[in-house]
Structure formats: C-alpha cells, structure tokens
Amino acid sequence: MVWLVIGGPLTVVVASLATAVIAYKGADQVIVDTPSARHVVTTPTSDTPAMQARNHAATAAPR
C-alpha cells in the first residue's frame, strides 16, 4: 500500500522532469531579424489586405 502513496507523486515528478528536458532540448532558436523591405507586398493580389493586416498585427507599436 505504501508504494501507491510514493509511486503516484514519484511518477509525476519523473514525468515533469522528462517534460522539462524535452522542452529545453527542443526549444526553437530566437530570431533577431528585423523587419525589412523584403516583408513588404509589392504587387497587389487578392490576398494583399489580409497580408497587410497580418503584418500590421505582428509588428510592435512604435514607442
């Protein structure tokens, strides 16, 4: 009966450590690329308003 009391929390601790290792090793690289002219839509298409709205929503407000 004692192994049930110890086994449950021990399983949770082991699972959390495994999750932390997976998250640390699988982390994406930080992108430090600044927006430039290559992100601007130059030729109008049917998706132009959607692309401009998406790009506007992704950029930070000027300070």
PDB file of N, CA and C in Angstrom:
ATOM      1  N   MET A   1       0.815  -1.193   0.000  1.00  0.00           N
ATOM      2  CA  MET A   1       0.000   0.000   0.000  1.00  0.00           C
ATOM      3  C   MET A   1       0.865   1.266   0.000  1.00  0.00           C
ATOM      4  N   VAL A   2       2.012   1.197   0.638  1.00  0.00           N
ATOM      5  CA  VAL A   2       2.897   2.366   0.701  1.00  0.00           C
ATOM      6  C   VAL A   2       3.417   2.720  -0.691  1.00  0.00           C
ATOM      7  N   TRP A   3       3.640   1.713  -1.535  1.00  0.00           N
ATOM      8  CA  TRP A   3       4.165   2.001  -2.862  1.00  0.00           C
ATOM      9  C   TRP A   3       3.187   2.816  -3.694  1.00  0.00           C
ATOM     10  N   LEU A   4       1.891   2.726  -3.422  1.00  0.00           N
ATOM     11  CA  LEU A   4       0.911   3.560  -4.119  1.00  0.00           C
ATOM     12  C   LEU A   4       1.030   5.020  -3.690  1.00  0.00           C
ATOM     13  N   VAL A   5       1.279   5.235  -2.404  1.00  0.00           N
ATOM     14  CA  VAL A   5       1.398   6.604  -1.894  1.00  0.00           C
ATOM     15  C   VAL A   5       2.680   7.252  -2.415  1.00  0.00           C
ATOM     16  N   ILE A   6       3.754   6.495  -2.535  1.00  0.00           N
ATOM     17  CA  ILE A   6       5.032   7.034  -3.007  1.00  0.00           C
ATOM     18  C   ILE A   6       5.085   7.021  -4.537  1.00  0.00           C
ATOM     19  N   GLY A   7       4.513   5.993  -5.134  1.00  0.00           N
ATOM     20  CA  GLY A   7       4.604   5.829  -6.584  1.00  0.00           C
ATOM     21  C   GLY A   7       3.879   6.898  -7.377  1.00  0.00           C
ATOM     22  N   GLY A   8       2.726   7.347  -6.918  1.00  0.00           N
ATOM     23  CA  GLY A   8       1.969   8.370  -7.647  1.00  0.00           C
ATOM     24  C   GLY A   8       2.723   9.684  -7.781  1.00  0.00           C
ATOM     25  N   PRO A   9       3.129  10.291  -6.662  1.00  0.00           N
ATOM     26  CA  PRO A   9       3.889  11.539  -6.761  1.00  0.00           C
ATOM     27  C   PRO A   9       5.240  11.361  -7.461  1.00  0.00           C
ATOM     28  N   LEU A  10       5.880  10.203  -7.268  1.00  0.00           N
ATOM     29  CA  LEU A  10       7.165   9.956  -7.928  1.00  0.00           C
ATOM     30  C   LEU A  10       6.976   9.916  -9.448  1.00  0.00           C
ATOM     31  N   THR A  11       5.898   9.331  -9.910  1.00  0.00           N
ATOM     32  CA  THR A  11       5.603   9.292 -11.337  1.00  0.00           C
ATOM     33  C   THR A  11       5.402  10.704 -11.885  1.00  0.00           C
ATOM     34  N   VAL A  12       4.732  11.535 -11.129  1.00  0.00           N
ATOM     35  CA  VAL A  12       4.504  12.922 -11.560  1.00  0.00           C
ATOM     36  C   VAL A  12       5.825  13.685 -11.635  1.00  0.00           C
ATOM     37  N   VAL A  13       6.701  13.488 -10.660  1.00  0.00           N
ATOM     38  CA  VAL A  13       7.997  14.173 -10.653  1.00  0.00           C
ATOM     39  C   VAL A  13       8.843  13.720 -11.846  1.00  0.00           C
ATOM     40  N   VAL A  14       8.879  12.434 -12.103  1.00  0.00           N
ATOM     41  CA  VAL A  14       9.657  11.920 -13.233  1.00  0.00           C
ATOM     42  C   VAL A  14       9.093  12.442 -14.553  1.00  0.00           C
ATOM     43  N   ALA A  15       7.787  12.469 -14.691  1.00  0.00           N
ATOM     44  CA  ALA A  15       7.165  12.983 -15.915  1.00  0.00           C
ATOM     45  C   ALA A  15       7.450  14.465 -16.109  1.00  0.00           C
ATOM     46  N   SER A  16       7.441  15.231 -15.020  1.00  0.00           N
ATOM     47  CA  SER A  16       7.722  16.663 -15.149  1.00  0.00           C
ATOM     48  C   SER A  16       9.173  16.905 -15.527  1.00  0.00           C
ATOM     49  N   LEU A  17      10.084  16.118 -14.984  1.00  0.00           N
ATOM     50  CA  LEU A  17      11.495  16.253 -15.360  1.00  0.00           C
ATOM     51  C   LEU A  17      11.698  15.873 -16.831  1.00  0.00           C
ATOM     52  N   ALA A  18      11.033  14.821 -17.272  1.00  0.00           N
ATOM     53  CA  ALA A  18      11.132  14.428 -18.678  1.00  0.00           C
ATOM     54  C   ALA A  18      10.579  15.527 -19.583  1.00  0.00           C
ATOM     55  N   THR A  19       9.477  16.137 -19.181  1.00  0.00           N
ATOM     56  CA  THR A  19       8.894  17.231 -19.961  1.00  0.00           C
ATOM     57  C   THR A  19       9.833  18.428 -20.013  1.00  0.00           C
ATOM     58  N   ALA A  20      10.484  18.748 -18.904  1.00  0.00           N
ATOM     59  CA  ALA A  20      11.429  19.870 -18.866  1.00  0.00           C
ATOM     60  C   ALA A  20      12.621  19.605 -19.786  1.00  0.00           C
ATOM     61  N   VAL A  21      13.117  18.382 -19.791  1.00  0.00           N
ATOM     62  CA  VAL A  21      14.249  18.049 -20.663  1.00  0.00           C
ATOM     63  C   VAL A  21      13.832  18.156 -22.123  1.00  0.00           C
ATOM     64  N   ILE A  22      12.671  17.653 -22.466  1.00  0.00           N
ATOM     65  CA  ILE A  22      12.184  17.736 -23.849  1.00  0.00           C
ATOM     66  C   ILE A  22      11.994  19.194 -24.257  1.00  0.00           C
ATOM     67  N   ALA A  23      11.452  20.009 -23.376  1.00  0.00           N
ATOM     68  CA  ALA A  23      11.232  21.424 -23.690  1.00  0.00           C
ATOM     69  C   ALA A  23      12.554  22.157 -23.863  1.00  0.00           C
ATOM     70  N   TYR A  24      13.537  21.842 -23.050  1.00  0.00           N
ATOM     71  CA  TYR A  24      14.837  22.522 -23.132  1.00  0.00           C
ATOM     72  C   TYR A  24      15.579  22.121 -24.398  1.00  0.00           C
ATOM     73  N   LYS A  25      15.600  20.853 -24.715  1.00  0.00           N
ATOM     74  CA  LYS A  25      16.337  20.376 -25.880  1.00  0.00           C
ATOM     75  C   LYS A  25      15.622  20.705 -27.186  1.00  0.00           C
ATOM     76  N   GLY A  26      14.314  20.837 -27.163  1.00  0.00           N
ATOM     77  CA  GLY A  26      13.561  21.101 -28.381  1.00  0.00           C
ATOM     78  C   GLY A  26      13.204  22.555 -28.568  1.00  0.00           C
ATOM     79  N   ALA A  27      13.823  23.454 -27.804  1.00  0.00           N
ATOM     80  CA  ALA A  27      13.489  24.877 -27.899  1.00  0.00           C
ATOM     81  C   ALA A  27      13.935  25.447 -29.244  1.00  0.00           C
ATOM     82  N   ASP A  28      13.111  26.301 -29.818  1.00  0.00           N
ATOM     83  CA  ASP A  28      13.445  26.948 -31.078  1.00  0.00           C
ATOM     84  C   ASP A  28      14.458  28.052 -30.853  1.00  0.00           C
ATOM     85  N   GLN A  29      15.210  28.365 -31.891  1.00  0.00           N
ATOM     86  CA  GLN A  29      16.179  29.449 -31.826  1.00  0.00           C
ATOM     87  C   GLN A  29      15.451  30.795 -31.820  1.00  0.00           C
ATOM     88  N   VAL A  30      16.015  31.772 -31.144  1.00  0.00           N
ATOM     89  CA  VAL A  30      15.443  33.117 -31.116  1.00  0.00           C
ATOM     90  C   VAL A  30      15.838  33.824 -32.405  1.00  0.00           C
ATOM     91  N   ILE A  31      14.857  34.399 -33.086  1.00  0.00           N
ATOM     92  CA  ILE A  31      15.111  35.101 -34.338  1.00  0.00           C
ATOM     93  C   ILE A  31      15.307  36.577 -34.024  1.00  0.00           C
ATOM     94  N   VAL A  32      16.434  37.107 -34.440  1.00  0.00           N
ATOM     95  CA  VAL A  32      16.733  38.502 -34.159  1.00  0.00           C
ATOM     96  C   VAL A  32      16.720  39.329 -35.443  1.00  0.00           C
ATOM     97  N   ASP A  33      16.051  38.822 -36.454  1.00  0.00           N
ATOM     98  CA  ASP A  33      15.967  39.505 -37.728  1.00  0.00           C
ATOM     99  C   ASP A  33      14.959  40.642 -37.623  1.00  0.00           C
ATOM    100  N   THR A  34      15.370  41.836 -38.036  1.00  0.00           N
ATOM    101  CA  THR A  34      14.462  42.978 -38.007  1.00  0.00           C
ATOM    102  C   THR A  34      13.658  43.018 -39.305  1.00  0.00           C
ATOM    103  N   PRO A  35      12.449  43.540 -39.254  1.00  0.00           N
ATOM    104  CA  PRO A  35      11.655  43.636 -40.471  1.00  0.00           C
ATOM    105  C   PRO A  35      12.346  44.522 -41.505  1.00  0.00           C
ATOM    106  N   SER A  36      12.300  44.122 -42.746  1.00  0.00           N
ATOM    107  CA  SER A  36      12.948  44.901 -43.800  1.00  0.00           C
ATOM    108  C   SER A  36      12.018  44.997 -45.002  1.00  0.00           C
ATOM    109  N   ALA A  37      12.534  45.500 -46.067  1.00  0.00           N
ATOM    110  CA  ALA A  37      11.734  45.701 -47.278  1.00  0.00           C
ATOM    111  C   ALA A  37      11.290  44.383 -47.888  1.00  0.00           C
ATOM    112  N   ARG A  38      11.936  43.292 -47.575  1.00  0.00           N
ATOM    113  CA  ARG A  38      11.546  42.020 -48.174  1.00  0.00           C
ATOM    114  C   ARG A  38      10.209  41.519 -47.633  1.00  0.00           C
ATOM    115  N   HIS A  39       9.721  42.088 -46.547  1.00  0.00           N
ATOM    116  CA  HIS A  39       8.444  41.681 -45.982  1.00  0.00           C
ATOM    117  C   HIS A  39       7.266  42.474 -46.555  1.00  0.00           C
ATOM    118  N   VAL A  40       7.554  43.466 -47.372  1.00  0.00           N
ATOM    119  CA  VAL A  40       6.511  44.335 -47.906  1.00  0.00           C
ATOM    120  C   VAL A  40       5.946  43.716 -49.180  1.00  0.00           C
ATOM    121  N   VAL A  41       4.630  43.710 -49.295  1.00  0.00           N
ATOM    122  CA  VAL A  41       3.977  43.208 -50.503  1.00  0.00           C
ATOM    123  C   VAL A  41       4.065  44.295 -51.562  1.00  0.00           C
ATOM    124  N   THR A  42       4.685  43.979 -52.705  1.00  0.00           N
ATOM    125  CA  THR A  42       4.870  44.997 -53.739  1.00  0.00           C
ATOM    126  C   THR A  42       3.832  44.895 -54.842  1.00  0.00           C
ATOM    127  N   THR A  43       3.415  43.684 -55.193  1.00  0.00           N
ATOM    128  CA  THR A  43       2.417  43.532 -56.241  1.00  0.00           C
ATOM    129  C   THR A  43       1.077  43.183 -55.612  1.00  0.00           C
ATOM    130  N   PRO A  44       0.035  43.960 -55.890  1.00  0.00           N
ATOM    131  CA  PRO A  44      -1.265  43.674 -55.287  1.00  0.00           C
ATOM    132  C   PRO A  44      -1.847  42.352 -55.801  1.00  0.00           C
ATOM    133  N   THR A  45      -2.367  41.567 -54.889  1.00  0.00           N
ATOM    134  CA  THR A  45      -3.058  40.327 -55.222  1.00  0.00           C
ATOM    135  C   THR A  45      -4.368  40.302 -54.452  1.00  0.00           C
ATOM    136  N   SER A  46      -5.095  39.225 -54.572  1.00  0.00           N
ATOM    137  CA  SER A  46      -6.354  39.127 -53.833  1.00  0.00           C
ATOM    138  C   SER A  46      -6.119  38.992 -52.336  1.00  0.00           C
ATOM    139  N   ASP A  47      -4.890  38.577 -51.933  1.00  0.00           N
ATOM    140  CA  ASP A  47      -4.564  38.416 -50.512  1.00  0.00           C
ATOM    141  C   ASP A  47      -3.901  39.638 -49.899  1.00  0.00           C
ATOM    142  N   THR A  48      -3.736  40.711 -50.669  1.00  0.00           N
ATOM    143  CA  THR A  48      -2.994  41.874 -50.181  1.00  0.00           C
ATOM    144  C   THR A  48      -3.568  42.459 -48.888  1.00  0.00           C
ATOM    145  N   PRO A  49      -4.876  42.722 -48.757  1.00  0.00           N
ATOM    146  CA  PRO A  49      -5.383  43.277 -47.492  1.00  0.00           C
ATOM    147  C   PRO A  49      -5.122  42.342 -46.305  1.00  0.00           C
ATOM    148  N   ALA A  50      -5.260  41.036 -46.525  1.00  0.00           N
ATOM    149  CA  ALA A  50      -5.030  40.094 -45.437  1.00  0.00           C
ATOM    150  C   ALA A  50      -3.563  40.083 -45.032  1.00  0.00           C
ATOM    151  N   MET A  51      -2.666  40.151 -46.011  1.00  0.00           N
ATOM    152  CA  MET A  51      -1.233  40.152 -45.706  1.00  0.00           C
ATOM    153  C   MET A  51      -0.849  41.430 -44.952  1.00  0.00           C
ATOM    154  N   GLN A  52      -1.401  42.571 -45.363  1.00  0.00           N
ATOM    155  CA  GLN A  52      -1.076  43.815 -44.678  1.00  0.00           C
ATOM    156  C   GLN A  52      -1.599  43.796 -43.251  1.00  0.00           C
ATOM    157  N   ALA A  53      -2.784  43.261 -43.034  1.00  0.00           N
ATOM    158  CA  ALA A  53      -3.341  43.191 -41.688  1.00  0.00           C
ATOM    159  C   ALA A  53      -2.533  42.242 -40.826  1.00  0.00           C
ATOM    160  N   ARG A  54      -2.125  41.107 -41.395  1.00  0.00           N
ATOM    161  CA  ARG A  54      -1.331  40.150 -40.633  1.00  0.00           C
ATOM    162  C   ARG A  54       0.006  40.768 -40.244  1.00  0.00           C
ATOM    163  N   ASN A  55       0.657  41.436 -41.204  1.00  0.00           N
ATOM    164  CA  ASN A  55       1.959  42.049 -40.911  1.00  0.00           C
ATOM    165  C   ASN A  55       1.812  43.192 -39.917  1.00  0.00           C
ATOM    166  N   HIS A  56       0.708  43.926 -39.998  1.00  0.00           N
ATOM    167  CA  HIS A  56       0.492  45.027 -39.071  1.00  0.00           C
ATOM    168  C   HIS A  56       0.279  44.493 -37.660  1.00  0.00           C
ATOM    169  N   ALA A  57      -0.437  43.392 -37.547  1.00  0.00           N
ATOM    170  CA  ALA A  57      -0.703  42.809 -36.225  1.00  0.00           C
ATOM    171  C   ALA A  57       0.553  42.207 -35.621  1.00  0.00           C
ATOM    172  N   ALA A  58       1.506  41.804 -36.448  1.00  0.00           N
ATOM    173  CA  ALA A  58       2.723  41.159 -35.951  1.00  0.00           C
ATOM    174  C   ALA A  58       3.801  42.163 -35.569  1.00  0.00           C
ATOM    175  N   THR A  59       3.666  43.416 -35.977  1.00  0.00           N
ATOM    176  CA  THR A  59       4.695  44.394 -35.653  1.00  0.00           C
ATOM    177  C   THR A  59       4.360  45.117 -34.353  1.00  0.00           C
ATOM    178  N   ALA A  60       5.385  45.507 -33.667  1.00  0.00           N
ATOM    179  CA  ALA A  60       5.196  46.203 -32.397  1.00  0.00           C
ATOM    180  C   ALA A  60       4.849  47.662 -32.643  1.00  0.00           C
ATOM    181  N   ALA A  61       4.148  48.244 -31.701  1.00  0.00           N
ATOM    182  CA  ALA A  61       3.790  49.648 -31.792  1.00  0.00           C
ATOM    183  C   ALA A  61       5.030  50.506 -31.562  1.00  0.00           C
ATOM    184  N   PRO A  62       5.183  51.603 -32.303  1.00  0.00           N
ATOM    185  CA  PRO A  62       6.354  52.478 -32.088  1.00  0.00           C
ATOM    186  C   PRO A  62       6.290  53.135 -30.721  1.00  0.00           C
ATOM    187  N   ARG A  63       7.438  53.289 -30.126  1.00  0.00           N
ATOM    188  CA  ARG A  63       7.496  53.908 -28.789  1.00  0.00           C
ATOM    189  C   ARG A  63       8.131  55.249 -28.851  1.00  0.00           C
TER     190      ARG A  63
END
